[in-house]
Amino acid sequence: MAVYRENRRLMIEGLPKAGFDRIAPPDGAFYVYADISHLTDDSRAF
């Protein structure tokens, strides 16, 4: 869990720097769901 907490912190900080800035901090699990609709409408190809 300590690893997940650190990874979550890095993702919340790092994804916006990488241009994925439409995110919300997750309450649990180990995922970040990002809105990229301003970049593409074909997430599979992206």
All heavy atoms as atom14 arrays in JSON, in Angstrom:
{
  "sequence": "MAVYRENRRLMIEGLPKAGFDRIAPPDGAFYVYADISHLTDDSRAF",
  "atom14_mask": [
    [1, 1, 1, 1, 1, 1, 1, 1, 0, 0, 0, 0, 0, 0],
    [1, 1, 1, 1, 1, 0, 0, 0, 0, 0, 0, 0, 0, 0],
    [1, 1, 1, 1, 1, 1, 1, 0, 0, 0, 0, 0, 0, 0],
    [1, 1, 1, 1, 1, 1, 1, 1, 1, 1, 1, 1, 0, 0],
    [1, 1, 1, 1, 1, 1, 1, 1, 1, 1, 1, 0, 0, 0],
    [1, 1, 1, 1, 1, 1, 1, 1, 1, 0, 0, 0, 0, 0],
    [1, 1, 1, 1, 1, 1, 1, 1, 0, 0, 0, 0, 0, 0],
    [1, 1, 1, 1, 1, 1, 1, 1, 1, 1, 1, 0, 0, 0],
    [1, 1, 1, 1, 1, 1, 1, 1, 1, 1, 1, 0, 0, 0],
    [1, 1, 1, 1, 1, 1, 1, 1, 0, 0, 0, 0, 0, 0],
    [1, 1, 1, 1, 1, 1, 1, 1, 0, 0, 0, 0, 0, 0],
    [1, 1, 1, 1, 1, 1, 1, 1, 0, 0, 0, 0, 0, 0],
    [1, 1, 1, 1, 1, 1, 1, 1, 1, 0, 0, 0, 0, 0],
    [1, 1, 1, 1, 0, 0, 0, 0, 0, 0, 0, 0, 0, 0],
    [1, 1, 1, 1, 1, 1, 1, 1, 0, 0, 0, 0, 0, 0],
    [1, 1, 1, 1, 1, 1, 1, 0, 0, 0, 0, 0, 0, 0],
    [1, 1, 1, 1, 1, 1, 1, 1, 1, 0, 0, 0, 0, 0],
    [1, 1, 1, 1, 1, 0, 0, 0, 0, 0, 0, 0, 0, 0],
    [1, 1, 1, 1, 0, 0, 0, 0, 0, 0, 0, 0, 0, 0],
    [1, 1, 1, 1, 1, 1, 1, 1, 1, 1, 1, 0, 0, 0],
    [1, 1, 1, 1, 1, 1, 1, 1, 0, 0, 0, 0, 0, 0],
    [1, 1, 1, 1, 1, 1, 1, 1, 1, 1, 1, 0, 0, 0],
    [1, 1, 1, 1, 1, 1, 1, 1, 0, 0, 0, 0, 0, 0],
    [1, 1, 1, 1, 1, 0, 0, 0, 0, 0, 0, 0, 0, 0],
    [1, 1, 1, 1, 1, 1, 1, 0, 0, 0, 0, 0, 0, 0],
    [1, 1, 1, 1, 1, 1, 1, 0, 0, 0, 0, 0, 0, 0],
    [1, 1, 1, 1, 1, 1, 1, 1, 0, 0, 0, 0, 0, 0],
    [1, 1, 1, 1, 0, 0, 0, 0, 0, 0, 0, 0, 0, 0],
    [1, 1, 1, 1, 1, 0, 0, 0, 0, 0, 0, 0, 0, 0],
    [1, 1, 1, 1, 1, 1, 1, 1, 1, 1, 1, 0, 0, 0],
    [1, 1, 1, 1, 1, 1, 1, 1, 1, 1, 1, 1, 0, 0],
    [1, 1, 1, 1, 1, 1, 1, 0, 0, 0, 0, 0, 0, 0],
    [1, 1, 1, 1, 1, 1, 1, 1, 1, 1, 1, 1, 0, 0],
    [1, 1, 1, 1, 1, 0, 0, 0, 0, 0, 0, 0, 0, 0],
    [1, 1, 1, 1, 1, 1, 1, 1, 0, 0, 0, 0, 0, 0],
    [1, 1, 1, 1, 1, 1, 1, 1, 0, 0, 0, 0, 0, 0],
    [1, 1, 1, 1, 1, 1, 0, 0, 0, 0, 0, 0, 0, 0],
    [1, 1, 1, 1, 1, 1, 1, 1, 1, 1, 0, 0, 0, 0],
    [1, 1, 1, 1, 1, 1, 1, 1, 0, 0, 0, 0, 0, 0],
    [1, 1, 1, 1, 1, 1, 1, 0, 0, 0, 0, 0, 0, 0],
    [1, 1, 1, 1, 1, 1, 1, 1, 0, 0, 0, 0, 0, 0],
    [1, 1, 1, 1, 1, 1, 1, 1, 0, 0, 0, 0, 0, 0],
    [1, 1, 1, 1, 1, 1, 0, 0, 0, 0, 0, 0, 0, 0],
    [1, 1, 1, 1, 1, 1, 1, 1, 1, 1, 1, 0, 0, 0],
    [1, 1, 1, 1, 1, 0, 0, 0, 0, 0, 0, 0, 0, 0],
    [1, 1, 1, 1, 1, 1, 1, 1, 1, 1, 1, 0, 0, 0]
  ],
  "atom14_positions": [
    [[0.81, -1.21, 0.0], [0.0, 0.0, 0.0], [0.85, 1.26, 0.0], [0.49, 2.27, -0.61], [-0.94, 0.0, 1.21], [-2.21, -0.8, 1.02], [-3.2, -0.23, -0.4], [-3.47, 1.5, 0.04], [0.0, 0.0, 0.0], [0.0, 0.0, 0.0], [0.0, 0.0, 0.0], [0.0, 0.0, 0.0], [0.0, 0.0, 0.0], [0.0, 0.0, 0.0]],
    [[1.98, 1.22, 0.68], [2.88, 2.37, 0.68], [3.37, 2.67, -0.74], [3.51, 3.84, -1.13], [4.06, 2.12, 1.61], [0.0, 0.0, 0.0], [0.0, 0.0, 0.0], [0.0, 0.0, 0.0], [0.0, 0.0, 0.0], [0.0, 0.0, 0.0], [0.0, 0.0, 0.0], [0.0, 0.0, 0.0], [0.0, 0.0, 0.0], [0.0, 0.0, 0.0]],
    [[3.59, 1.62, -1.54], [3.99, 1.81, -2.93], [2.85, 2.44, -3.72], [3.05, 3.38, -4.5], [4.41, 0.46, -3.56], [4.68, 0.62, -5.06], [5.65, -0.09, -2.85], [0.0, 0.0, 0.0], [0.0, 0.0, 0.0], [0.0, 0.0, 0.0], [0.0, 0.0, 0.0], [0.0, 0.0, 0.0], [0.0, 0.0, 0.0], [0.0, 0.0, 0.0]],
    [[1.62, 1.95, -3.53], [0.48, 2.52, -4.25], [0.28, 3.99, -3.9], [-0.04, 4.81, -4.77], [-0.8, 1.75, -3.94], [-0.78, 0.28, -4.3], [-1.52, -0.64, -3.58], [-0.04, -0.19, -5.39], [-1.52, -1.99, -3.9], [-0.03, -1.53, -5.72], [-0.77, -2.43, -4.96], [-0.76, -3.75, -5.29], [0.0, 0.0, 0.0], [0.0, 0.0, 0.0]],
    [[0.45, 4.31, -2.62], [0.28, 5.71, -2.22], [1.3, 6.62, -2.91], [0.96, 7.7, -3.39], [0.4, 5.84, -0.7], [-0.77, 5.26, 0.07], [-0.71, 5.6, 1.55], [-1.76, 4.89, 2.27], [-1.61, 3.72, 2.89], [-0.41, 3.14, 2.92], [-2.63, 3.14, 3.5], [0.0, 0.0, 0.0], [0.0, 0.0, 0.0], [0.0, 0.0, 0.0]],
    [[2.55, 6.17, -2.96], [3.57, 6.96, -3.63], [3.3, 7.04, -5.13], [3.43, 8.1, -5.75], [4.95, 6.36, -3.36], [6.11, 7.03, -4.12], [6.32, 8.5, -3.78], [5.68, 9.02, -2.83], [7.14, 9.13, -4.47], [0.0, 0.0, 0.0], [0.0, 0.0, 0.0], [0.0, 0.0, 0.0], [0.0, 0.0, 0.0], [0.0, 0.0, 0.0]],
    [[2.91, 5.92, -5.72], [2.6, 5.92, -7.16], [1.43, 6.84, -7.47], [1.44, 7.54, -8.49], [2.27, 4.5, -7.62], [3.49, 3.58, -7.63], [4.61, 4.02, -7.35], [3.28, 2.32, -7.93], [0.0, 0.0, 0.0], [0.0, 0.0, 0.0], [0.0, 0.0, 0.0], [0.0, 0.0, 0.0], [0.0, 0.0, 0.0], [0.0, 0.0, 0.0]],
    [[0.42, 6.83, -6.61], [-0.73, 7.72, -6.8], [-0.28, 9.18, -6.78], [-0.68, 9.98, -7.63], [-1.75, 7.46, -5.71], [-2.96, 8.41, -5.7], [-3.88, 8.0, -4.54], [-5.07, 8.82, -4.42], [-5.21, 9.83, -3.57], [-4.2, 10.17, -2.77], [-6.35, 10.51, -3.5], [0.0, 0.0, 0.0], [0.0, 0.0, 0.0], [0.0, 0.0, 0.0]],
    [[0.59, 9.52, -5.84], [1.1, 10.89, -5.74], [1.84, 11.26, -7.03], [1.63, 12.36, -7.58], [2.04, 11.02, -4.54], [2.55, 12.45, -4.3], [3.64, 12.49, -3.24], [4.87, 11.85, -3.68], [5.77, 12.42, -4.48], [5.56, 13.65, -4.95], [6.86, 11.78, -4.83], [0.0, 0.0, 0.0], [0.0, 0.0, 0.0], [0.0, 0.0, 0.0]],
    [[2.68, 10.36, -7.5], [3.44, 10.64, -8.72], [2.53, 10.81, -9.93], [2.75, 11.69, -10.76], [4.43, 9.5, -8.98], [5.59, 9.38, -8.0], [6.34, 8.07, -8.22], [6.54, 10.57, -8.13], [0.0, 0.0, 0.0], [0.0, 0.0, 0.0], [0.0, 0.0, 0.0], [0.0, 0.0, 0.0], [0.0, 0.0, 0.0], [0.0, 0.0, 0.0]],
    [[1.49, 9.99, -10.01], [0.56, 10.1, -11.14], [-0.22, 11.4, -11.11], [-0.39, 12.06, -12.14], [-0.4, 8.91, -11.13], [0.25, 7.57, -11.39], [0.84, 7.35, -13.08], [-0.66, 6.8, -13.89], [0.0, 0.0, 0.0], [0.0, 0.0, 0.0], [0.0, 0.0, 0.0], [0.0, 0.0, 0.0], [0.0, 0.0, 0.0], [0.0, 0.0, 0.0]],
    [[-0.71, 11.78, -9.93], [-1.5, 13.01, -9.81], [-0.65, 14.22, -10.17], [-1.14, 15.19, -10.76], [-2.09, 13.12, -8.4], [-3.16, 12.03, -8.2], [-2.7, 14.48, -8.16], [-3.62, 11.89, -6.77], [0.0, 0.0, 0.0], [0.0, 0.0, 0.0], [0.0, 0.0, 0.0], [0.0, 0.0, 0.0], [0.0, 0.0, 0.0], [0.0, 0.0, 0.0]],
    [[0.64, 14.16, -9.83], [1.54, 15.25, -10.19], [2.04, 15.15, -11.63], [2.15, 16.16, -12.34], [2.75, 15.26, -9.24], [2.44, 15.64, -7.81], [3.67, 15.62, -6.92], [4.78, 15.32, -7.45], [3.54, 15.87, -5.72], [0.0, 0.0, 0.0], [0.0, 0.0, 0.0], [0.0, 0.0, 0.0], [0.0, 0.0, 0.0], [0.0, 0.0, 0.0]],
    [[2.35, 13.92, -12.08], [3.03, 13.74, -13.34], [2.15, 13.73, -14.56], [2.56, 14.19, -15.64], [0.0, 0.0, 0.0], [0.0, 0.0, 0.0], [0.0, 0.0, 0.0], [0.0, 0.0, 0.0], [0.0, 0.0, 0.0], [0.0, 0.0, 0.0], [0.0, 0.0, 0.0], [0.0, 0.0, 0.0], [0.0, 0.0, 0.0], [0.0, 0.0, 0.0]],
    [[0.95, 13.21, -14.45], [0.08, 13.16, -15.63], [-0.26, 14.56, -16.16], [-0.2, 14.78, -17.38], [-1.19, 12.36, -15.33], [-1.04, 10.84, -15.31], [-2.34, 10.17, -14.87], [-0.61, 10.29, -16.68], [0.0, 0.0, 0.0], [0.0, 0.0, 0.0], [0.0, 0.0, 0.0], [0.0, 0.0, 0.0], [0.0, 0.0, 0.0], [0.0, 0.0, 0.0]],
    [[-0.61, 15.53, -15.31], [-0.85, 16.88, -15.84], [0.37, 17.48, -16.53], [0.24, 18.16, -17.56], [-1.25, 17.69, -14.6], [-1.84, 16.67, -13.67], [-0.99, 15.44, -13.88], [0.0, 0.0, 0.0], [0.0, 0.0, 0.0], [0.0, 0.0, 0.0], [0.0, 0.0, 0.0], [0.0, 0.0, 0.0], [0.0, 0.0, 0.0], [0.0, 0.0, 0.0]],
    [[1.56, 17.21, -15.99], [2.78, 17.7, -16.64], [2.95, 17.08, -18.02], [3.55, 17.69, -18.92], [4.0, 17.4, -15.77], [4.04, 18.17, -14.46], [5.25, 17.76, -13.64], [5.29, 18.45, -12.28], [6.41, 17.97, -11.43], [0.0, 0.0, 0.0], [0.0, 0.0, 0.0], [0.0, 0.0, 0.0], [0.0, 0.0, 0.0], [0.0, 0.0, 0.0]],
    [[2.44, 15.86, -18.18], [2.54, 15.18, -19.46], [1.39, 15.53, -20.39], [1.28, 14.97, -21.49], [2.58, 13.67, -19.25], [0.0, 0.0, 0.0], [0.0, 0.0, 0.0], [0.0, 0.0, 0.0], [0.0, 0.0, 0.0], [0.0, 0.0, 0.0], [0.0, 0.0, 0.0], [0.0, 0.0, 0.0], [0.0, 0.0, 0.0], [0.0, 0.0, 0.0]],
    [[0.51, 16.44, -19.96], [-0.58, 16.88, -20.82], [-1.91, 16.19, -20.55], [-2.91, 16.51, -21.21], [0.0, 0.0, 0.0], [0.0, 0.0, 0.0], [0.0, 0.0, 0.0], [0.0, 0.0, 0.0], [0.0, 0.0, 0.0], [0.0, 0.0, 0.0], [0.0, 0.0, 0.0], [0.0, 0.0, 0.0], [0.0, 0.0, 0.0], [0.0, 0.0, 0.0]],
    [[-1.94, 15.27, -19.59], [-3.19, 14.62, -19.22], [-3.7, 15.31, -17.95], [-3.56, 14.82, -16.84], [-2.96, 13.13, -18.98], [-2.44, 12.4, -20.19], [-1.07, 12.13, -20.32], [-3.28, 12.02, -21.21], [-0.57, 11.47, -21.42], [-2.79, 11.36, -22.34], [-1.44, 11.09, -22.45], [0.0, 0.0, 0.0], [0.0, 0.0, 0.0], [0.0, 0.0, 0.0]],
    [[-4.31, 16.49, -18.16], [-4.64, 17.34, -17.02], [-6.11, 17.3, -16.63], [-6.53, 17.96, -15.68], [-4.23, 18.79, -17.3], [-4.81, 19.33, -18.6], [-5.52, 18.57, -19.32], [-4.53, 20.5, -18.93], [0.0, 0.0, 0.0], [0.0, 0.0, 0.0], [0.0, 0.0, 0.0], [0.0, 0.0, 0.0], [0.0, 0.0, 0.0], [0.0, 0.0, 0.0]],
    [[-6.89, 16.5, -17.33], [-8.32, 16.38, -16.98], [-8.52, 15.07, -16.21], [-9.04, 14.07, -16.73], [-9.17, 16.42, -18.24], [-9.03, 17.72, -19.02], [-9.97, 17.79, -20.21], [-9.77, 19.03, -20.97], [-10.54, 19.4, -21.98], [-11.56, 18.64, -22.37], [-10.3, 20.53, -22.62], [0.0, 0.0, 0.0], [0.0, 0.0, 0.0], [0.0, 0.0, 0.0]],
    [[-8.08, 15.09, -14.97], [-8.13, 13.9, -14.12], [-8.68, 14.29, -12.75], [-8.7, 15.47, -12.4], [-6.73, 13.25, -13.94], [-5.77, 14.22, -13.25], [-6.17, 12.79, -15.29], [-4.43, 13.61, -12.87], [0.0, 0.0, 0.0], [0.0, 0.0, 0.0], [0.0, 0.0, 0.0], [0.0, 0.0, 0.0], [0.0, 0.0, 0.0], [0.0, 0.0, 0.0]],
    [[-9.12, 13.28, -12.0], [-9.55, 13.49, -10.62], [-8.81, 12.48, -9.75], [-8.66, 11.32, -10.15], [-11.06, 13.3, -10.48], [0.0, 0.0, 0.0], [0.0, 0.0, 0.0], [0.0, 0.0, 0.0], [0.0, 0.0, 0.0], [0.0, 0.0, 0.0], [0.0, 0.0, 0.0], [0.0, 0.0, 0.0], [0.0, 0.0, 0.0], [0.0, 0.0, 0.0]],
    [[-8.34, 12.88, -8.58], [-7.62, 11.94, -7.72], [-8.52, 10.76, -7.34], [-9.67, 10.96, -6.93], [-7.27, 12.78, -6.48], [-7.32, 14.2, -6.95], [-8.38, 14.25, -8.01], [0.0, 0.0, 0.0], [0.0, 0.0, 0.0], [0.0, 0.0, 0.0], [0.0, 0.0, 0.0], [0.0, 0.0, 0.0], [0.0, 0.0, 0.0], [0.0, 0.0, 0.0]],
    [[-8.02, 9.53, -7.49], [-8.82, 8.37, -7.11], [-8.89, 8.21, -5.59], [-7.92, 8.47, -4.89], [-8.07, 7.2, -7.75], [-6.65, 7.68, -7.86], [-6.72, 9.15, -8.08], [0.0, 0.0, 0.0], [0.0, 0.0, 0.0], [0.0, 0.0, 0.0], [0.0, 0.0, 0.0], [0.0, 0.0, 0.0], [0.0, 0.0, 0.0], [0.0, 0.0, 0.0]],
    [[-10.05, 7.76, -5.1], [-10.23, 7.49, -3.67], [-9.61, 6.15, -3.29], [-9.22, 5.94, -2.14], [-11.72, 7.45, -3.31], [-12.44, 8.74, -3.65], [-11.88, 9.81, -3.35], [-13.55, 8.67, -4.2], [0.0, 0.0, 0.0], [0.0, 0.0, 0.0], [0.0, 0.0, 0.0], [0.0, 0.0, 0.0], [0.0, 0.0, 0.0], [0.0, 0.0, 0.0]],
    [[-9.61, 5.22, -4.23], [-9.11, 3.87, -3.96], [-8.69, 3.22, -5.27], [-8.62, 3.85, -6.32], [0.0, 0.0, 0.0], [0.0, 0.0, 0.0], [0.0, 0.0, 0.0], [0.0, 0.0, 0.0], [0.0, 0.0, 0.0], [0.0, 0.0, 0.0], [0.0, 0.0, 0.0], [0.0, 0.0, 0.0], [0.0, 0.0, 0.0], [0.0, 0.0, 0.0]],
    [[-8.42, 1.9, -5.19], [-7.9, 1.14, -6.32], [-6.55, 1.72, -6.77], [-5.89, 2.43, -6.01], [-8.91, 1.07, -7.47], [0.0, 0.0, 0.0], [0.0, 0.0, 0.0], [0.0, 0.0, 0.0], [0.0, 0.0, 0.0], [0.0, 0.0, 0.0], [0.0, 0.0, 0.0], [0.0, 0.0, 0.0], [0.0, 0.0, 0.0], [0.0, 0.0, 0.0]],
    [[-6.14, 1.44, -8.0], [-4.85, 1.97, -8.48], [-4.94, 2.39, -9.94], [-4.16, 1.97, -10.79], [-3.7, 0.97, -8.27], [-4.06, -0.49, -8.36], [-4.69, -1.01, -9.48], [-3.76, -1.35, -7.32], [-5.0, -2.35, -9.57], [-4.08, -2.69, -7.39], [-4.69, -3.2, -8.51], [0.0, 0.0, 0.0], [0.0, 0.0, 0.0], [0.0, 0.0, 0.0]],
    [[-5.96, 3.24, -10.2], [-6.19, 3.75, -11.54], [-6.4, 5.25, -11.53], [-6.94, 5.81, -10.56], [-7.45, 3.13, -12.15], [-7.5, 1.62, -12.14], [-8.47, 0.95, -11.41], [-6.58, 0.87, -12.86], [-8.53, -0.43, -11.39], [-6.62, -0.51, -12.84], [-7.61, -1.16, -12.11], [-7.64, -2.52, -12.1], [0.0, 0.0, 0.0], [0.0, 0.0, 0.0]],
    [[-6.03, 5.88, -12.65], [-6.42, 7.26, -12.93], [-7.16, 7.24, -14.27], [-6.64, 6.69, -15.26], [-5.21, 8.2, -13.0], [-5.66, 9.6, -13.39], [-4.47, 8.24, -11.66], [0.0, 0.0, 0.0], [0.0, 0.0, 0.0], [0.0, 0.0, 0.0], [0.0, 0.0, 0.0], [0.0, 0.0, 0.0], [0.0, 0.0, 0.0], [0.0, 0.0, 0.0]],
    [[-8.34, 7.83, -14.28], [-9.17, 7.88, -15.49], [-9.08, 9.3, -16.04], [-9.44, 10.26, -15.37], [-10.61, 7.53, -15.13], [-11.49, 7.13, -16.29], [-11.13, 6.09, -17.15], [-12.71, 7.76, -16.5], [-11.96, 5.7, -18.19], [-13.56, 7.36, -17.54], [-13.17, 6.33, -18.37], [-14.0, 5.94, -19.4], [0.0, 0.0, 0.0], [0.0, 0.0, 0.0]],
    [[-8.57, 9.43, -17.25], [-8.28, 10.74, -17.83], [-9.21, 11.05, -18.99], [-9.43, 10.2, -19.88], [-6.83, 10.79, -18.3], [0.0, 0.0, 0.0], [0.0, 0.0, 0.0], [0.0, 0.0, 0.0], [0.0, 0.0, 0.0], [0.0, 0.0, 0.0], [0.0, 0.0, 0.0], [0.0, 0.0, 0.0], [0.0, 0.0, 0.0], [0.0, 0.0, 0.0]],
    [[-9.73, 12.26, -19.01], [-10.53, 12.77, -20.12], [-9.56, 13.3, -21.18], [-8.81, 14.25, -20.93], [-11.45, 13.88, -19.61], [-12.3, 14.51, -20.71], [-12.1, 14.2, -21.89], [-13.16, 15.34, -20.36], [0.0, 0.0, 0.0], [0.0, 0.0, 0.0], [0.0, 0.0, 0.0], [0.0, 0.0, 0.0], [0.0, 0.0, 0.0], [0.0, 0.0, 0.0]],
    [[-9.57, 12.67, -22.35], [-8.71, 13.13, -23.46], [-9.56, 13.53, -24.66], [-9.07, 13.54, -25.8], [-7.67, 12.06, -23.86], [-8.37, 10.75, -24.29], [-6.69, 11.8, -22.72], [-7.45, 9.79, -25.03], [0.0, 0.0, 0.0], [0.0, 0.0, 0.0], [0.0, 0.0, 0.0], [0.0, 0.0, 0.0], [0.0, 0.0, 0.0], [0.0, 0.0, 0.0]],
    [[-10.83, 13.87, -24.41], [-11.74, 14.19, -25.51], [-11.3, 15.43, -26.29], [-11.71, 15.62, -27.44], [-13.16, 14.37, -24.98], [-13.22, 15.39, -24.01], [0.0, 0.0, 0.0], [0.0, 0.0, 0.0], [0.0, 0.0, 0.0], [0.0, 0.0, 0.0], [0.0, 0.0, 0.0], [0.0, 0.0, 0.0], [0.0, 0.0, 0.0], [0.0, 0.0, 0.0]],
    [[-10.47, 16.29, -25.67], [-9.94, 17.45, -26.39], [-8.77, 17.07, -27.3], [-8.32, 17.89, -28.12], [-9.48, 18.52, -25.4], [-8.47, 18.04, -24.41], [-8.68, 16.98, -23.56], [-7.21, 18.5, -24.12], [-7.61, 16.8, -22.8], [-6.7, 17.69, -23.14], [0.0, 0.0, 0.0], [0.0, 0.0, 0.0], [0.0, 0.0, 0.0], [0.0, 0.0, 0.0]],
    [[-8.29, 15.82, -27.17], [-7.16, 15.36, -27.97], [-7.58, 14.38, -29.06], [-6.97, 14.33, -30.12], [-6.12, 14.68, -27.06], [-5.56, 15.49, -25.9], [-4.65, 14.64, -25.04], [-4.8, 16.71, -26.43], [0.0, 0.0, 0.0], [0.0, 0.0, 0.0], [0.0, 0.0, 0.0], [0.0, 0.0, 0.0], [0.0, 0.0, 0.0], [0.0, 0.0, 0.0]],
    [[-8.61, 13.57, -28.78], [-9.02, 12.53, -29.72], [-10.42, 12.05, -29.39], [-10.88, 12.21, -28.26], [-8.04, 11.34, -29.67], [-8.4, 10.37, -30.67], [-8.07, 10.66, -28.31], [0.0, 0.0, 0.0], [0.0, 0.0, 0.0], [0.0, 0.0, 0.0], [0.0, 0.0, 0.0], [0.0, 0.0, 0.0], [0.0, 0.0, 0.0], [0.0, 0.0, 0.0]],
    [[-11.06, 11.45, -30.39], [-12.31, 10.72, -30.14], [-12.11, 9.23, -30.42], [-13.08, 8.48, -30.51], [-13.46, 11.27, -30.98], [-13.21, 11.17, -32.48], [-12.15, 10.64, -32.88], [-14.07, 11.62, -33.26], [0.0, 0.0, 0.0], [0.0, 0.0, 0.0], [0.0, 0.0, 0.0], [0.0, 0.0, 0.0], [0.0, 0.0, 0.0], [0.0, 0.0, 0.0]],
    [[-10.84, 8.82, -30.56], [-10.51, 7.42, -30.82], [-9.45, 6.98, -29.82], [-8.25, 6.94, -30.14], [-10.03, 7.25, -32.26], [-9.85, 5.79, -32.66], [-9.88, 4.91, -31.76], [-9.67, 5.52, -33.86], [0.0, 0.0, 0.0], [0.0, 0.0, 0.0], [0.0, 0.0, 0.0], [0.0, 0.0, 0.0], [0.0, 0.0, 0.0], [0.0, 0.0, 0.0]],
    [[-9.89, 6.66, -28.61], [-8.93, 6.32, -27.56], [-8.16, 5.05, -27.88], [-7.01, 4.88, -27.44], [-9.66, 6.17, -26.22], [-10.63, 5.15, -26.26], [0.0, 0.0, 0.0], [0.0, 0.0, 0.0], [0.0, 0.0, 0.0], [0.0, 0.0, 0.0], [0.0, 0.0, 0.0], [0.0, 0.0, 0.0], [0.0, 0.0, 0.0], [0.0, 0.0, 0.0]],
    [[-8.77, 4.16, -28.66], [-8.07, 2.92, -28.99], [-6.85, 3.21, -29.88], [-5.75, 2.69, -29.63], [-9.03, 1.95, -29.68], [-8.51, 0.53, -29.74], [-9.62, -0.46, -30.03], [-9.14, -1.82, -29.83], [-9.92, -2.89, -29.8], [-11.23, -2.75, -29.94], [-9.41, -4.1, -29.63], [0.0, 0.0, 0.0], [0.0, 0.0, 0.0], [0.0, 0.0, 0.0]],
    [[-7.03, 4.05, -30.87], [-5.91, 4.42, -31.74], [-4.88, 5.24, -30.97], [-3.66, 5.08, -31.18], [-6.42, 5.21, -32.95], [0.0, 0.0, 0.0], [0.0, 0.0, 0.0], [0.0, 0.0, 0.0], [0.0, 0.0, 0.0], [0.0, 0.0, 0.0], [0.0, 0.0, 0.0], [0.0, 0.0, 0.0], [0.0, 0.0, 0.0], [0.0, 0.0, 0.0]],
    [[-5.34, 6.1, -30.08], [-4.43, 6.92, -29.28], [-3.59, 6.03, -28.37], [-2.36, 6.21, -28.26], [-5.24, 7.93, -28.46], [-4.45, 9.13, -28.0], [-4.29, 10.24, -28.83], [-3.89, 9.17, -26.74], [-3.58, 11.35, -28.41], [-3.17, 10.27, -26.31], [-3.01, 11.37, -27.15], [0.0, 0.0, 0.0], [0.0, 0.0, 0.0], [0.0, 0.0, 0.0]]
  ]
}
